[in-house]
């Protein structure tokens, strides 16, 4: 079992790794060509601004929740977005 001190150190190490991975992703995106995306993906991608939830994106696009989830999954698979939890709410960010 971990002590509180060990847990804090472990958490700090994981945060450092996450920060470094984020930097690597940004650097990789600068040299890699953008994958092709369709019209619907473009609409959803514009809403990936750290402010929109799935519900917001559904309302903005007029698409079903399932279609939005599939589109977000496709964009994530292409390395164009990531999900973030801010104040307990999941939002999306273009990378």
N, C-alpha and C. Protein backbone atom coordinates (compact mmCIF):
# COMPACT_ATOMS: atom_id res chain seq x y z
N UNK A 1 0.84 -1.18 0.00
CA UNK A 1 0.00 0.00 0.00
C UNK A 1 0.88 1.25 0.00
N UNK A 2 0.47 2.24 -0.77
CA UNK A 2 1.25 3.47 -0.90
C UNK A 2 0.95 4.43 0.25
N UNK A 3 2.00 5.11 0.67
CA UNK A 3 1.79 6.18 1.64
C UNK A 3 1.31 7.42 0.88
N UNK A 4 0.83 8.38 1.61
CA UNK A 4 0.36 9.63 1.01
C UNK A 4 1.49 10.30 0.23
N UNK A 5 2.67 10.29 0.79
CA UNK A 5 3.83 10.90 0.14
C UNK A 5 4.17 10.18 -1.18
N UNK A 6 4.14 8.85 -1.16
CA UNK A 6 4.40 8.08 -2.37
C UNK A 6 3.33 8.34 -3.43
N UNK A 7 2.09 8.43 -2.99
CA UNK A 7 0.99 8.70 -3.92
C UNK A 7 1.16 10.06 -4.57
N UNK A 8 1.51 11.07 -3.79
CA UNK A 8 1.74 12.42 -4.35
C UNK A 8 2.88 12.41 -5.36
N UNK A 9 3.94 11.71 -5.05
CA UNK A 9 5.09 11.63 -5.96
C UNK A 9 4.71 10.90 -7.24
N UNK A 10 3.95 9.82 -7.10
CA UNK A 10 3.49 9.05 -8.25
C UNK A 10 2.58 9.91 -9.13
N UNK A 11 1.66 10.65 -8.52
CA UNK A 11 0.76 11.53 -9.26
C UNK A 11 1.54 12.61 -10.01
N UNK A 12 2.55 13.17 -9.37
CA UNK A 12 3.38 14.19 -10.00
C UNK A 12 4.13 13.61 -11.20
N UNK A 13 4.63 12.40 -11.06
CA UNK A 13 5.33 11.73 -12.16
C UNK A 13 4.40 11.50 -13.34
N UNK A 14 3.18 11.04 -13.07
CA UNK A 14 2.21 10.84 -14.15
C UNK A 14 1.86 12.15 -14.84
N UNK A 15 1.71 13.22 -14.09
CA UNK A 15 1.41 14.54 -14.67
C UNK A 15 2.57 14.99 -15.56
N UNK A 16 3.80 14.78 -15.11
CA UNK A 16 4.98 15.14 -15.91
C UNK A 16 4.99 14.36 -17.22
N UNK A 17 4.68 13.08 -17.16
CA UNK A 17 4.64 12.25 -18.37
C UNK A 17 3.57 12.76 -19.31
N UNK A 18 2.39 13.08 -18.78
CA UNK A 18 1.30 13.60 -19.60
C UNK A 18 1.70 14.91 -20.28
N UNK A 19 2.36 15.79 -19.55
CA UNK A 19 2.82 17.05 -20.14
C UNK A 19 3.80 16.82 -21.28
N UNK A 20 4.72 15.90 -21.08
CA UNK A 20 5.72 15.61 -22.12
C UNK A 20 5.08 14.96 -23.34
N UNK A 21 4.11 14.08 -23.11
CA UNK A 21 3.40 13.46 -24.24
C UNK A 21 2.63 14.51 -25.04
N UNK A 22 2.03 15.46 -24.35
CA UNK A 22 1.31 16.53 -25.04
C UNK A 22 2.25 17.33 -25.94
N UNK A 23 3.43 17.61 -25.45
CA UNK A 23 4.43 18.33 -26.25
C UNK A 23 4.83 17.50 -27.46
N UNK A 24 5.05 16.21 -27.27
CA UNK A 24 5.42 15.33 -28.39
C UNK A 24 4.32 15.28 -29.45
N UNK A 25 3.07 15.25 -29.01
CA UNK A 25 1.95 15.23 -29.96
C UNK A 25 1.93 16.51 -30.77
N UNK A 26 2.12 17.63 -30.12
CA UNK A 26 2.13 18.92 -30.83
C UNK A 26 3.27 18.97 -31.84
N UNK A 27 4.45 18.53 -31.43
CA UNK A 27 5.59 18.53 -32.35
C UNK A 27 5.36 17.60 -33.53
N UNK A 28 4.78 16.43 -33.27
CA UNK A 28 4.51 15.48 -34.34
C UNK A 28 3.51 16.05 -35.33
N UNK A 29 2.50 16.77 -34.82
CA UNK A 29 1.49 17.37 -35.70
C UNK A 29 2.09 18.43 -36.61
N UNK A 30 3.13 19.10 -36.16
CA UNK A 30 3.76 20.14 -36.98
C UNK A 30 4.44 19.56 -38.21
N UNK A 31 4.93 18.33 -38.11
CA UNK A 31 5.66 17.76 -39.24
C UNK A 31 4.81 16.79 -40.06
N UNK A 32 3.73 16.30 -39.49
CA UNK A 32 2.89 15.32 -40.20
C UNK A 32 1.80 16.05 -40.98
N UNK A 33 1.51 15.59 -42.18
CA UNK A 33 0.41 16.21 -42.93
C UNK A 33 -0.92 15.89 -42.26
N UNK A 34 -1.85 16.84 -42.34
CA UNK A 34 -3.18 16.61 -41.75
C UNK A 34 -3.91 15.54 -42.54
N UNK A 35 -4.55 14.61 -41.85
CA UNK A 35 -5.33 13.60 -42.57
C UNK A 35 -6.56 14.25 -43.19
N UNK A 36 -7.03 13.69 -44.29
CA UNK A 36 -8.23 14.24 -44.91
C UNK A 36 -9.45 14.04 -44.01
N UNK A 37 -10.31 15.06 -43.97
CA UNK A 37 -11.54 14.94 -43.19
C UNK A 37 -12.71 15.43 -44.02
N UNK A 38 -13.88 14.86 -43.73
CA UNK A 38 -15.08 15.20 -44.48
C UNK A 38 -15.77 16.45 -43.95
N UNK A 39 -16.86 16.79 -44.59
CA UNK A 39 -17.62 18.00 -44.24
C UNK A 39 -18.16 17.91 -42.81
N UNK A 40 -18.75 16.78 -42.46
CA UNK A 40 -19.31 16.61 -41.12
C UNK A 40 -18.21 16.65 -40.06
N UNK A 41 -17.08 16.02 -40.35
CA UNK A 41 -15.96 16.04 -39.41
C UNK A 41 -15.45 17.47 -39.23
N UNK A 42 -15.43 18.24 -40.29
CA UNK A 42 -14.98 19.62 -40.22
C UNK A 42 -15.89 20.44 -39.31
N UNK A 43 -17.20 20.24 -39.42
CA UNK A 43 -18.16 20.96 -38.57
C UNK A 43 -17.92 20.64 -37.10
N UNK A 44 -17.73 19.37 -36.80
CA UNK A 44 -17.51 18.96 -35.41
C UNK A 44 -16.15 19.44 -34.92
N UNK A 45 -15.14 19.36 -35.77
CA UNK A 45 -13.80 19.78 -35.39
C UNK A 45 -13.77 21.25 -34.97
N UNK A 46 -14.54 22.09 -35.65
CA UNK A 46 -14.59 23.51 -35.31
C UNK A 46 -15.16 23.74 -33.90
N UNK A 47 -15.94 22.79 -33.41
CA UNK A 47 -16.53 22.91 -32.09
C UNK A 47 -15.66 22.30 -30.99
N UNK A 48 -14.52 21.78 -31.35
CA UNK A 48 -13.61 21.18 -30.37
C UNK A 48 -12.68 22.28 -29.86
N UNK A 49 -13.22 23.11 -28.98
CA UNK A 49 -12.53 24.30 -28.52
C UNK A 49 -12.44 24.38 -26.99
N UNK A 50 -12.52 23.25 -26.34
CA UNK A 50 -12.50 23.14 -24.88
C UNK A 50 -13.74 23.72 -24.22
N UNK A 51 -14.76 24.03 -25.00
CA UNK A 51 -15.98 24.61 -24.43
C UNK A 51 -17.20 23.72 -24.67
N UNK A 52 -17.15 22.90 -25.73
CA UNK A 52 -18.33 22.14 -26.13
C UNK A 52 -18.30 20.70 -25.62
N UNK A 53 -19.45 20.29 -25.07
CA UNK A 53 -19.66 18.90 -24.67
C UNK A 53 -20.34 18.18 -25.83
N UNK A 54 -20.56 16.89 -25.68
CA UNK A 54 -21.28 16.15 -26.72
C UNK A 54 -22.66 16.76 -26.92
N UNK A 55 -23.35 17.08 -25.83
CA UNK A 55 -24.69 17.67 -25.95
C UNK A 55 -24.65 18.98 -26.73
N UNK A 56 -23.65 19.83 -26.46
CA UNK A 56 -23.52 21.09 -27.19
C UNK A 56 -23.30 20.84 -28.68
N UNK A 57 -22.45 19.87 -28.99
CA UNK A 57 -22.13 19.57 -30.38
C UNK A 57 -23.36 19.02 -31.10
N UNK A 58 -24.13 18.20 -30.41
CA UNK A 58 -25.39 17.67 -30.99
C UNK A 58 -26.31 18.83 -31.34
N UNK A 59 -26.48 19.77 -30.41
CA UNK A 59 -27.37 20.92 -30.65
C UNK A 59 -26.86 21.79 -31.80
N UNK A 60 -25.56 22.04 -31.83
CA UNK A 60 -24.97 22.92 -32.85
C UNK A 60 -25.04 22.32 -34.25
N UNK A 61 -24.85 21.00 -34.34
CA UNK A 61 -24.79 20.36 -35.65
C UNK A 61 -26.13 19.81 -36.12
N UNK A 62 -27.04 19.56 -35.18
CA UNK A 62 -28.32 18.97 -35.54
C UNK A 62 -28.23 17.47 -35.81
N UNK A 63 -27.08 16.87 -35.51
CA UNK A 63 -26.88 15.44 -35.70
C UNK A 63 -27.29 14.68 -34.44
N UNK A 64 -27.50 13.38 -34.58
CA UNK A 64 -27.84 12.57 -33.42
C UNK A 64 -26.61 12.41 -32.53
N UNK A 65 -26.85 12.10 -31.27
CA UNK A 65 -25.75 11.89 -30.34
C UNK A 65 -24.83 10.77 -30.83
N UNK A 66 -25.42 9.70 -31.35
CA UNK A 66 -24.62 8.59 -31.85
C UNK A 66 -23.72 9.03 -33.01
N UNK A 67 -24.27 9.82 -33.94
CA UNK A 67 -23.45 10.30 -35.06
C UNK A 67 -22.30 11.18 -34.58
N UNK A 68 -22.59 12.03 -33.59
CA UNK A 68 -21.55 12.90 -33.05
C UNK A 68 -20.47 12.07 -32.37
N UNK A 69 -20.88 11.06 -31.61
CA UNK A 69 -19.89 10.20 -30.95
C UNK A 69 -19.01 9.48 -31.96
N UNK A 70 -19.59 9.00 -33.05
CA UNK A 70 -18.82 8.33 -34.10
C UNK A 70 -17.84 9.32 -34.74
N UNK A 71 -18.31 10.53 -35.02
CA UNK A 71 -17.46 11.54 -35.63
C UNK A 71 -16.31 11.91 -34.70
N UNK A 72 -16.60 12.09 -33.42
CA UNK A 72 -15.54 12.39 -32.44
C UNK A 72 -14.53 11.25 -32.37
N UNK A 73 -15.03 10.03 -32.42
CA UNK A 73 -14.14 8.86 -32.40
C UNK A 73 -13.24 8.85 -33.64
N UNK A 74 -13.81 9.16 -34.80
CA UNK A 74 -13.01 9.23 -36.03
C UNK A 74 -11.94 10.31 -35.93
N UNK A 75 -12.32 11.48 -35.42
CA UNK A 75 -11.36 12.58 -35.28
C UNK A 75 -10.26 12.22 -34.28
N UNK A 76 -10.64 11.54 -33.20
CA UNK A 76 -9.64 11.10 -32.21
C UNK A 76 -8.70 10.09 -32.84
N UNK A 77 -9.26 9.17 -33.63
CA UNK A 77 -8.44 8.16 -34.30
C UNK A 77 -7.46 8.76 -35.30
N UNK A 78 -7.82 9.89 -35.87
CA UNK A 78 -6.94 10.59 -36.80
C UNK A 78 -5.95 11.49 -36.08
N UNK A 79 -6.03 11.51 -34.76
CA UNK A 79 -5.10 12.31 -33.96
C UNK A 79 -5.39 13.80 -34.00
N UNK A 80 -6.63 14.18 -34.27
CA UNK A 80 -6.97 15.59 -34.39
C UNK A 80 -7.57 16.21 -33.14
N UNK A 81 -8.12 15.38 -32.26
CA UNK A 81 -8.73 15.89 -31.03
C UNK A 81 -8.37 15.01 -29.84
N UNK A 82 -8.66 15.55 -28.68
CA UNK A 82 -8.59 14.77 -27.45
C UNK A 82 -9.69 15.26 -26.54
N UNK A 83 -10.10 14.42 -25.62
CA UNK A 83 -11.12 14.82 -24.66
C UNK A 83 -10.43 15.24 -23.36
N UNK A 84 -11.03 16.22 -22.72
CA UNK A 84 -10.51 16.74 -21.46
C UNK A 84 -11.66 16.79 -20.46
N UNK A 85 -11.34 16.62 -19.20
CA UNK A 85 -12.34 16.81 -18.16
C UNK A 85 -12.00 18.10 -17.44
N UNK A 86 -12.92 19.07 -17.53
CA UNK A 86 -12.73 20.36 -16.88
C UNK A 86 -13.90 20.56 -15.92
N UNK A 87 -13.57 20.68 -14.65
CA UNK A 87 -14.60 20.84 -13.61
C UNK A 87 -15.66 19.74 -13.68
N UNK A 88 -15.22 18.52 -13.96
CA UNK A 88 -16.12 17.38 -14.00
C UNK A 88 -16.93 17.23 -15.27
N UNK A 89 -16.65 18.09 -16.27
CA UNK A 89 -17.39 18.05 -17.53
C UNK A 89 -16.42 17.68 -18.65
N UNK A 90 -16.80 16.71 -19.49
CA UNK A 90 -15.95 16.29 -20.60
C UNK A 90 -16.18 17.22 -21.78
N UNK A 91 -15.10 17.84 -22.24
CA UNK A 91 -15.11 18.71 -23.43
C UNK A 91 -14.05 18.21 -24.39
N UNK A 92 -14.00 18.80 -25.56
CA UNK A 92 -13.09 18.33 -26.60
C UNK A 92 -12.18 19.46 -27.05
N UNK A 93 -10.96 19.08 -27.40
CA UNK A 93 -9.94 20.05 -27.80
C UNK A 93 -9.27 19.59 -29.09
N UNK A 94 -9.16 20.50 -30.03
CA UNK A 94 -8.40 20.22 -31.24
C UNK A 94 -6.93 20.23 -30.87
N UNK A 95 -6.21 19.25 -31.34
CA UNK A 95 -4.77 19.15 -31.01
C UNK A 95 -3.98 19.90 -32.07
